């Protein structure tokens, strides 16, 4: 095995490790955003971020948008009658 082969293996290992890191970070990102924003359904957003791994990140934008969207506060029934 020559020095060029060893260099190629090192580059391949670094690329694979970087890819795994980016995929895990992207799966964690919606949950981290929801936690920082104190989202009412923080756990569900975290699970949605990880579930997108199995769907090839097709639904990842939905989880990311959900992390930023808060549910509006409910109005009292007395205020709605006015």
PDB file of N, CA and C in Angstrom:
ATOM      1  N   UNK A   1       0.848  -1.173   0.000  1.00  0.00           N
ATOM      2  CA  UNK A   1       0.000   0.000   0.000  1.00  0.00           C
ATOM      3  C   UNK A   1       0.897   1.241   0.000  1.00  0.00           C
ATOM      4  N   UNK A   2       0.679   2.080  -0.968  1.00  0.00           N
ATOM      5  CA  UNK A   2       1.533   3.272  -1.102  1.00  0.00           C
ATOM      6  C   UNK A   2       1.009   4.418  -0.244  1.00  0.00           C
ATOM      7  N   UNK A   3       1.754   5.475  -0.206  1.00  0.00           N
ATOM      8  CA  UNK A   3       1.357   6.650   0.562  1.00  0.00           C
ATOM      9  C   UNK A   3       0.103   7.293   0.016  1.00  0.00           C
ATOM     10  N   UNK A   4      -0.080   7.201  -1.303  1.00  0.00           N
ATOM     11  CA  UNK A   4      -1.277   7.759  -1.920  1.00  0.00           C
ATOM     12  C   UNK A   4      -2.522   6.975  -1.510  1.00  0.00           C
ATOM     13  N   UNK A   5      -2.392   5.662  -1.401  1.00  0.00           N
ATOM     14  CA  UNK A   5      -3.513   4.840  -0.945  1.00  0.00           C
ATOM     15  C   UNK A   5      -3.903   5.179   0.487  1.00  0.00           C
ATOM     16  N   UNK A   6      -2.930   5.361   1.334  1.00  0.00           N
ATOM     17  CA  UNK A   6      -3.198   5.710   2.729  1.00  0.00           C
ATOM     18  C   UNK A   6      -3.882   7.068   2.811  1.00  0.00           C
ATOM     19  N   UNK A   7      -3.401   8.029   2.011  1.00  0.00           N
ATOM     20  CA  UNK A   7      -4.029   9.347   1.973  1.00  0.00           C
ATOM     21  C   UNK A   7      -5.475   9.248   1.502  1.00  0.00           C
ATOM     22  N   UNK A   8      -5.743   8.415   0.505  1.00  0.00           N
ATOM     23  CA  UNK A   8      -7.099   8.235  -0.003  1.00  0.00           C
ATOM     24  C   UNK A   8      -8.010   7.643   1.080  1.00  0.00           C
ATOM     25  N   UNK A   9      -7.495   6.670   1.837  1.00  0.00           N
ATOM     26  CA  UNK A   9      -8.287   6.087   2.917  1.00  0.00           C
ATOM     27  C   UNK A   9      -8.587   7.116   4.004  1.00  0.00           C
ATOM     28  N   UNK A  10      -7.604   7.940   4.321  1.00  0.00           N
ATOM     29  CA  UNK A  10      -7.815   8.980   5.338  1.00  0.00           C
ATOM     30  C   UNK A  10      -8.881   9.971   4.877  1.00  0.00           C
ATOM     31  N   UNK A  11      -8.824  10.380   3.617  1.00  0.00           N
ATOM     32  CA  UNK A  11      -9.824  11.297   3.072  1.00  0.00           C
ATOM     33  C   UNK A  11     -11.209  10.646   3.103  1.00  0.00           C
ATOM     34  N   UNK A  12     -11.299   9.381   2.743  1.00  0.00           N
ATOM     35  CA  UNK A  12     -12.574   8.676   2.750  1.00  0.00           C
ATOM     36  C   UNK A  12     -13.155   8.595   4.159  1.00  0.00           C
ATOM     37  N   UNK A  13     -12.330   8.297   5.138  1.00  0.00           N
ATOM     38  CA  UNK A  13     -12.796   8.204   6.523  1.00  0.00           C
ATOM     39  C   UNK A  13     -13.265   9.559   7.030  1.00  0.00           C
ATOM     40  N   UNK A  14     -12.529  10.620   6.698  1.00  0.00           N
ATOM     41  CA  UNK A  14     -12.930  11.969   7.111  1.00  0.00           C
ATOM     42  C   UNK A  14     -14.255  12.359   6.456  1.00  0.00           C
ATOM     43  N   UNK A  15     -14.425  12.047   5.192  1.00  0.00           N
ATOM     44  CA  UNK A  15     -15.682  12.359   4.510  1.00  0.00           C
ATOM     45  C   UNK A  15     -16.861  11.593   5.103  1.00  0.00           C
ATOM     46  N   UNK A  16     -16.658  10.324   5.400  1.00  0.00           N
ATOM     47  CA  UNK A  16     -17.733   9.536   6.005  1.00  0.00           C
ATOM     48  C   UNK A  16     -18.096  10.062   7.392  1.00  0.00           C
ATOM     49  N   UNK A  17     -17.090  10.399   8.187  1.00  0.00           N
ATOM     50  CA  UNK A  17     -17.349  10.935   9.525  1.00  0.00           C
ATOM     51  C   UNK A  17     -18.068  12.281   9.443  1.00  0.00           C
ATOM     52  N   UNK A  18     -17.668  13.107   8.491  1.00  0.00           N
ATOM     53  CA  UNK A  18     -18.325  14.406   8.315  1.00  0.00           C
ATOM     54  C   UNK A  18     -19.776  14.234   7.881  1.00  0.00           C
ATOM     55  N   UNK A  19     -20.034  13.301   6.999  1.00  0.00           N
ATOM     56  CA  UNK A  19     -21.396  13.043   6.537  1.00  0.00           C
ATOM     57  C   UNK A  19     -22.278  12.566   7.681  1.00  0.00           C
ATOM     58  N   UNK A  20     -21.764  11.659   8.485  1.00  0.00           N
ATOM     59  CA  UNK A  20     -22.535  11.166   9.633  1.00  0.00           C
ATOM     60  C   UNK A  20     -22.812  12.297  10.613  1.00  0.00           C
ATOM     61  N   UNK A  21     -21.828  13.144  10.870  1.00  0.00           N
ATOM     62  CA  UNK A  21     -22.005  14.276  11.776  1.00  0.00           C
ATOM     63  C   UNK A  21     -23.081  15.227  11.262  1.00  0.00           C
ATOM     64  N   UNK A  22     -23.050  15.547   9.976  1.00  0.00           N
ATOM     65  CA  UNK A  22     -24.034  16.475   9.402  1.00  0.00           C
ATOM     66  C   UNK A  22     -25.434  15.881   9.462  1.00  0.00           C
ATOM     67  N   UNK A  23     -25.579  14.600   9.188  1.00  0.00           N
ATOM     68  CA  UNK A  23     -26.902  13.963   9.236  1.00  0.00           C
ATOM     69  C   UNK A  23     -27.445  13.967  10.661  1.00  0.00           C
ATOM     70  N   UNK A  24     -26.611  13.649  11.632  1.00  0.00           N
ATOM     71  CA  UNK A  24     -27.058  13.649  13.029  1.00  0.00           C
ATOM     72  C   UNK A  24     -27.387  15.064  13.483  1.00  0.00           C
ATOM     73  N   UNK A  25     -26.585  16.038  13.077  1.00  0.00           N
ATOM     74  CA  UNK A  25     -26.859  17.429  13.446  1.00  0.00           C
ATOM     75  C   UNK A  25     -28.169  17.908  12.850  1.00  0.00           C
ATOM     76  N   UNK A  26     -28.428  17.540  11.593  1.00  0.00           N
ATOM     77  CA  UNK A  26     -29.694  17.949  10.959  1.00  0.00           C
ATOM     78  C   UNK A  26     -30.888  17.293  11.632  1.00  0.00           C
ATOM     79  N   UNK A  27     -30.729  16.066  12.115  1.00  0.00           N
ATOM     80  CA  UNK A  27     -31.828  15.403  12.813  1.00  0.00           C
ATOM     81  C   UNK A  27     -32.085  16.052  14.169  1.00  0.00           C
ATOM     82  N   UNK A  28     -31.031  16.570  14.800  1.00  0.00           N
ATOM     83  CA  UNK A  28     -31.171  17.200  16.112  1.00  0.00           C
ATOM     84  C   UNK A  28     -31.633  18.652  16.034  1.00  0.00           C
ATOM     85  N   UNK A  29     -31.432  19.306  14.910  1.00  0.00           N
ATOM     86  CA  UNK A  29     -31.667  20.743  14.799  1.00  0.00           C
ATOM     87  C   UNK A  29     -33.093  21.178  15.126  1.00  0.00           C
ATOM     88  N   UNK A  30     -34.156  20.559  14.583  1.00  0.00           N
ATOM     89  CA  UNK A  30     -35.503  21.010  14.952  1.00  0.00           C
ATOM     90  C   UNK A  30     -35.775  20.897  16.454  1.00  0.00           C
ATOM     91  N   UNK A  31     -35.299  19.841  17.085  1.00  0.00           N
ATOM     92  CA  UNK A  31     -35.490  19.676  18.524  1.00  0.00           C
ATOM     93  C   UNK A  31     -34.740  20.718  19.335  1.00  0.00           C
ATOM     94  N   UNK A  32     -33.526  21.049  18.896  1.00  0.00           N
ATOM     95  CA  UNK A  32     -32.755  22.077  19.605  1.00  0.00           C
ATOM     96  C   UNK A  32     -33.423  23.443  19.482  1.00  0.00           C
ATOM     97  N   UNK A  33     -33.956  23.741  18.312  1.00  0.00           N
ATOM     98  CA  UNK A  33     -34.654  25.024  18.116  1.00  0.00           C
ATOM     99  C   UNK A  33     -35.908  25.071  18.958  1.00  0.00           C
ATOM    100  N   UNK A  34     -36.675  23.967  18.965  1.00  0.00           N
ATOM    101  CA  UNK A  34     -37.905  23.929  19.762  1.00  0.00           C
ATOM    102  C   UNK A  34     -37.602  24.075  21.248  1.00  0.00           C
ATOM    103  N   UNK A  35     -36.536  23.467  21.703  1.00  0.00           N
ATOM    104  CA  UNK A  35     -36.167  23.562  23.118  1.00  0.00           C
ATOM    105  C   UNK A  35     -35.757  24.987  23.472  1.00  0.00           C
ATOM    106  N   UNK A  36     -34.977  25.625  22.605  1.00  0.00           N
ATOM    107  CA  UNK A  36     -34.539  26.994  22.856  1.00  0.00           C
ATOM    108  C   UNK A  36     -35.708  27.964  22.854  1.00  0.00           C
ATOM    109  N   UNK A  37     -36.714  27.715  22.016  1.00  0.00           N
ATOM    110  CA  UNK A  37     -37.871  28.601  21.934  1.00  0.00           C
ATOM    111  C   UNK A  37     -38.970  28.220  22.919  1.00  0.00           C
ATOM    112  N   UNK A  38     -38.725  27.182  23.729  1.00  0.00           N
ATOM    113  CA  UNK A  38     -39.693  26.697  24.717  1.00  0.00           C
ATOM    114  C   UNK A  38     -41.027  26.368  24.054  1.00  0.00           C
ATOM    115  N   UNK A  39     -40.944  25.549  23.018  1.00  0.00           N
ATOM    116  CA  UNK A  39     -42.122  25.148  22.238  1.00  0.00           C
ATOM    117  C   UNK A  39     -43.029  24.272  23.089  1.00  0.00           C
ATOM    118  N   UNK A  40     -44.357  24.447  23.001  1.00  0.00           N
ATOM    119  CA  UNK A  40     -45.257  23.633  23.829  1.00  0.00           C
ATOM    120  C   UNK A  40     -45.186  22.137  23.500  1.00  0.00           C
ATOM    121  N   UNK A  41     -44.846  21.780  22.262  1.00  0.00           N
ATOM    122  CA  UNK A  41     -44.734  20.373  21.863  1.00  0.00           C
ATOM    123  C   UNK A  41     -43.284  20.048  21.519  1.00  0.00           C
ATOM    124  N   UNK A  42     -42.386  20.414  22.414  1.00  0.00           N
ATOM    125  CA  UNK A  42     -40.959  20.260  22.188  1.00  0.00           C
ATOM    126  C   UNK A  42     -40.573  18.796  21.931  1.00  0.00           C
ATOM    127  N   UNK A  43     -41.108  17.886  22.702  1.00  0.00           N
ATOM    128  CA  UNK A  43     -40.751  16.477  22.543  1.00  0.00           C
ATOM    129  C   UNK A  43     -41.222  15.935  21.195  1.00  0.00           C
ATOM    130  N   UNK A  44     -42.396  16.340  20.770  1.00  0.00           N
ATOM    131  CA  UNK A  44     -42.904  15.879  19.476  1.00  0.00           C
ATOM    132  C   UNK A  44     -42.041  16.409  18.331  1.00  0.00           C
ATOM    133  N   UNK A  45     -41.561  17.628  18.445  1.00  0.00           N
ATOM    134  CA  UNK A  45     -40.689  18.188  17.416  1.00  0.00           C
ATOM    135  C   UNK A  45     -39.356  17.442  17.404  1.00  0.00           C
ATOM    136  N   UNK A  46     -38.845  17.094  18.579  1.00  0.00           N
ATOM    137  CA  UNK A  46     -37.601  16.322  18.646  1.00  0.00           C
ATOM    138  C   UNK A  46     -37.769  14.968  17.981  1.00  0.00           C
ATOM    139  N   UNK A  47     -38.868  14.294  18.264  1.00  0.00           N
ATOM    140  CA  UNK A  47     -39.127  12.985  17.653  1.00  0.00           C
ATOM    141  C   UNK A  47     -39.294  13.126  16.148  1.00  0.00           C
ATOM    142  N   UNK A  48     -39.980  14.173  15.705  1.00  0.00           N
ATOM    143  CA  UNK A  48     -40.161  14.387  14.267  1.00  0.00           C
ATOM    144  C   UNK A  48     -38.826  14.601  13.569  1.00  0.00           C
ATOM    145  N   UNK A  49     -37.913  15.287  14.226  1.00  0.00           N
ATOM    146  CA  UNK A  49     -36.593  15.481  13.637  1.00  0.00           C
ATOM    147  C   UNK A  49     -35.857  14.167  13.444  1.00  0.00           C
ATOM    148  N   UNK A  50     -35.964  13.266  14.407  1.00  0.00           N
ATOM    149  CA  UNK A  50     -35.283  11.977  14.290  1.00  0.00           C
ATOM    150  C   UNK A  50     -36.003  11.026  13.351  1.00  0.00           C
ATOM    151  N   UNK A  51     -37.341  11.107  13.289  1.00  0.00           N
ATOM    152  CA  UNK A  51     -38.097  10.223  12.406  1.00  0.00           C
ATOM    153  C   UNK A  51     -37.782  10.529  10.941  1.00  0.00           C
ATOM    154  N   UNK A  52     -37.439  11.768  10.650  1.00  0.00           N
ATOM    155  CA  UNK A  52     -37.130  12.114   9.262  1.00  0.00           C
ATOM    156  C   UNK A  52     -35.902  11.371   8.736  1.00  0.00           C
ATOM    157  N   UNK A  53     -35.067  10.848   9.633  1.00  0.00           N
ATOM    158  CA  UNK A  53     -33.936  10.033   9.174  1.00  0.00           C
ATOM    159  C   UNK A  53     -34.416   8.826   8.374  1.00  0.00           C
ATOM    160  N   UNK A  54     -35.529   8.242   8.790  1.00  0.00           N
ATOM    161  CA  UNK A  54     -36.045   7.055   8.123  1.00  0.00           C
ATOM    162  C   UNK A  54     -36.744   7.386   6.810  1.00  0.00           C
ATOM    163  N   UNK A  55     -37.148   8.628   6.639  1.00  0.00           N
ATOM    164  CA  UNK A  55     -37.820   9.051   5.412  1.00  0.00           C
ATOM    165  C   UNK A  55     -36.890   9.810   4.479  1.00  0.00           C
ATOM    166  N   UNK A  56     -35.617   9.775   4.737  1.00  0.00           N
ATOM    167  CA  UNK A  56     -34.653  10.430   3.870  1.00  0.00           C
ATOM    168  C   UNK A  56     -34.737  11.942   3.893  1.00  0.00           C
ATOM    169  N   UNK A  57     -35.099  12.507   5.022  1.00  0.00           N
ATOM    170  CA  UNK A  57     -35.205  13.950   5.222  1.00  0.00           C
ATOM    171  C   UNK A  57     -36.258  14.601   4.334  1.00  0.00           C
ATOM    172  N   UNK A  58     -37.216  13.820   3.841  1.00  0.00           N
ATOM    173  CA  UNK A  58     -38.292  14.395   3.029  1.00  0.00           C
ATOM    174  C   UNK A  58     -39.175  15.297   3.888  1.00  0.00           C
ATOM    175  N   UNK A  59     -39.455  14.885   5.104  1.00  0.00           N
ATOM    176  CA  UNK A  59     -40.328  15.656   5.993  1.00  0.00           C
ATOM    177  C   UNK A  59     -39.546  16.575   6.927  1.00  0.00           C
ATOM    178  N   UNK A  60     -38.241  16.679   6.747  1.00  0.00           N
ATOM    179  CA  UNK A  60     -37.433  17.503   7.626  1.00  0.00           C
ATOM    180  C   UNK A  60     -37.829  18.982   7.602  1.00  0.00           C
ATOM    181  N   UNK A  61     -38.134  19.559   6.440  1.00  0.00           N
ATOM    182  CA  UNK A  61     -38.571  20.962   6.462  1.00  0.00           C
ATOM    183  C   UNK A  61     -39.833  21.180   7.285  1.00  0.00           C
ATOM    184  N   UNK A  62     -40.723  20.198   7.301  1.00  0.00           N
ATOM    185  CA  UNK A  62     -41.942  20.310   8.115  1.00  0.00           C
ATOM    186  C   UNK A  62     -41.579  20.359   9.598  1.00  0.00           C
ATOM    187  N   UNK A  63     -40.667  19.512  10.029  1.00  0.00           N
ATOM    188  CA  UNK A  63     -40.238  19.517  11.427  1.00  0.00           C
ATOM    189  C   UNK A  63     -39.532  20.825  11.783  1.00  0.00           C
ATOM    190  N   UNK A  64     -38.753  21.353  10.855  1.00  0.00           N
ATOM    191  CA  UNK A  64     -38.052  22.607  11.102  1.00  0.00           C
ATOM    192  C   UNK A  64     -39.031  23.775  11.207  1.00  0.00           C
ATOM    193  N   UNK A  65     -40.005  23.823  10.325  1.00  0.00           N
ATOM    194  CA  UNK A  65     -41.022  24.881  10.402  1.00  0.00           C
ATOM    195  C   UNK A  65     -41.818  24.740  11.682  1.00  0.00           C
ATOM    196  N   UNK A  66     -42.151  23.509  12.053  1.00  0.00           N
ATOM    197  CA  UNK A  66     -42.922  23.264  13.273  1.00  0.00           C
ATOM    198  C   UNK A  66     -42.154  23.746  14.502  1.00  0.00           C
ATOM    199  N   UNK A  67     -40.836  23.653  14.471  1.00  0.00           N
ATOM    200  CA  UNK A  67     -40.028  24.109  15.607  1.00  0.00           C
ATOM    201  C   UNK A  67     -40.132  25.620  15.787  1.00  0.00           C
ATOM    202  N   UNK A  68     -40.369  26.346  14.713  1.00  0.00           N
ATOM    203  CA  UNK A  68     -40.463  27.803  14.790  1.00  0.00           C
ATOM    204  C   UNK A  68     -41.883  28.306  15.035  1.00  0.00           C
ATOM    205  N   UNK A  69     -42.891  27.498  14.755  1.00  0.00           N
ATOM    206  CA  UNK A  69     -44.282  27.942  14.860  1.00  0.00           C
ATOM    207  C   UNK A  69     -44.809  27.617  16.246  1.00  0.00           C
ATOM    208  N   UNK A  70     -45.305  28.638  16.927  1.00  0.00           N
ATOM    209  CA  UNK A  70     -45.943  28.448  18.223  1.00  0.00           C
ATOM    210  C   UNK A  70     -47.447  28.441  18.047  1.00  0.00           C
ATOM    211  N   UNK A  71     -48.113  27.772  18.957  1.00  0.00           N
ATOM    212  CA  UNK A  71     -49.565  27.761  18.947  1.00  0.00           C
ATOM    213  C   UNK A  71     -50.036  29.056  19.595  1.00  0.00           C
ATOM    214  N   UNK A  72     -50.973  29.759  18.958  1.00  0.00           N
ATOM    215  CA  UNK A  72     -51.458  30.988  19.599  1.00  0.00           C
ATOM    216  C   UNK A  72     -52.178  30.681  20.907  1.00  0.00           C
ATOM    217  N   UNK A  73     -52.102  31.627  21.822  1.00  0.00           N
ATOM    218  CA  UNK A  73     -52.754  31.448  23.130  1.00  0.00           C
ATOM    219  C   UNK A  73     -54.262  31.391  22.948  1.00  0.00           C
ATOM    220  N   UNK A  74     -54.897  30.550  23.738  1.00  0.00           N
ATOM    221  CA  UNK A  74     -56.350  30.457  23.676  1.00  0.00           C
ATOM    222  C   UNK A  74     -56.980  31.661  24.362  1.00  0.00           C
ATOM    223  N   UNK A  75     -58.078  32.073  23.795  1.00  0.00           N
ATOM    224  CA  UNK A  75     -58.797  33.192  24.385  1.00  0.00           C
ATOM    225  C   UNK A  75     -59.832  32.648  25.349  1.00  0.00           C
ATOM    226  N   UNK A  76     -60.096  33.396  26.406  1.00  0.00           N
ATOM    227  CA  UNK A  76     -61.150  33.003  27.352  1.00  0.00           C
ATOM    228  C   UNK A  76     -62.502  33.089  26.658  1.00  0.00           C
ATOM    229  N   UNK A  77     -63.448  32.281  27.120  1.00  0.00           N
ATOM    230  CA  UNK A  77     -64.784  32.294  26.518  1.00  0.00           C
ATOM    231  C   UNK A  77     -65.483  33.619  26.761  1.00  0.00           C
ATOM    232  N   UNK A  78     -65.129  34.313  27.859  1.00  0.00           N
ATOM    233  CA  UNK A  78     -65.731  35.597  28.147  1.00  0.00           C
ATOM    234  C   UNK A  78     -65.299  36.684  27.169  1.00  0.00           C
ATOM    235  N   UNK A  79     -64.062  36.604  26.682  1.00  0.00           N
ATOM    236  CA  UNK A  79     -63.572  37.593  25.745  1.00  0.00           C
ATOM    237  C   UNK A  79     -64.141  37.354  24.353  1.00  0.00           C
ATOM    238  N   UNK A  80     -64.419  36.113  24.003  1.00  0.00           N
ATOM    239  CA  UNK A  80     -64.917  35.805  22.675  1.00  0.00           C
ATOM    240  C   UNK A  80     -66.345  36.301  22.493  1.00  0.00           C
ATOM    241  N   UNK A  81     -67.102  36.469  23.590  1.00  0.00           N
ATOM    242  CA  UNK A  81     -68.495  36.869  23.488  1.00  0.00           C
ATOM    243  C   UNK A  81     -68.634  38.372  23.229  1.00  0.00           C
ATOM    244  N   UNK A  82     -67.557  39.111  23.436  1.00  0.00           N
ATOM    245  CA  UNK A  82     -67.656  40.569  23.262  1.00  0.00           C
ATOM    246  C   UNK A  82     -67.693  40.975  21.850  1.00  0.00           C
TER     247      UNK A  82
END
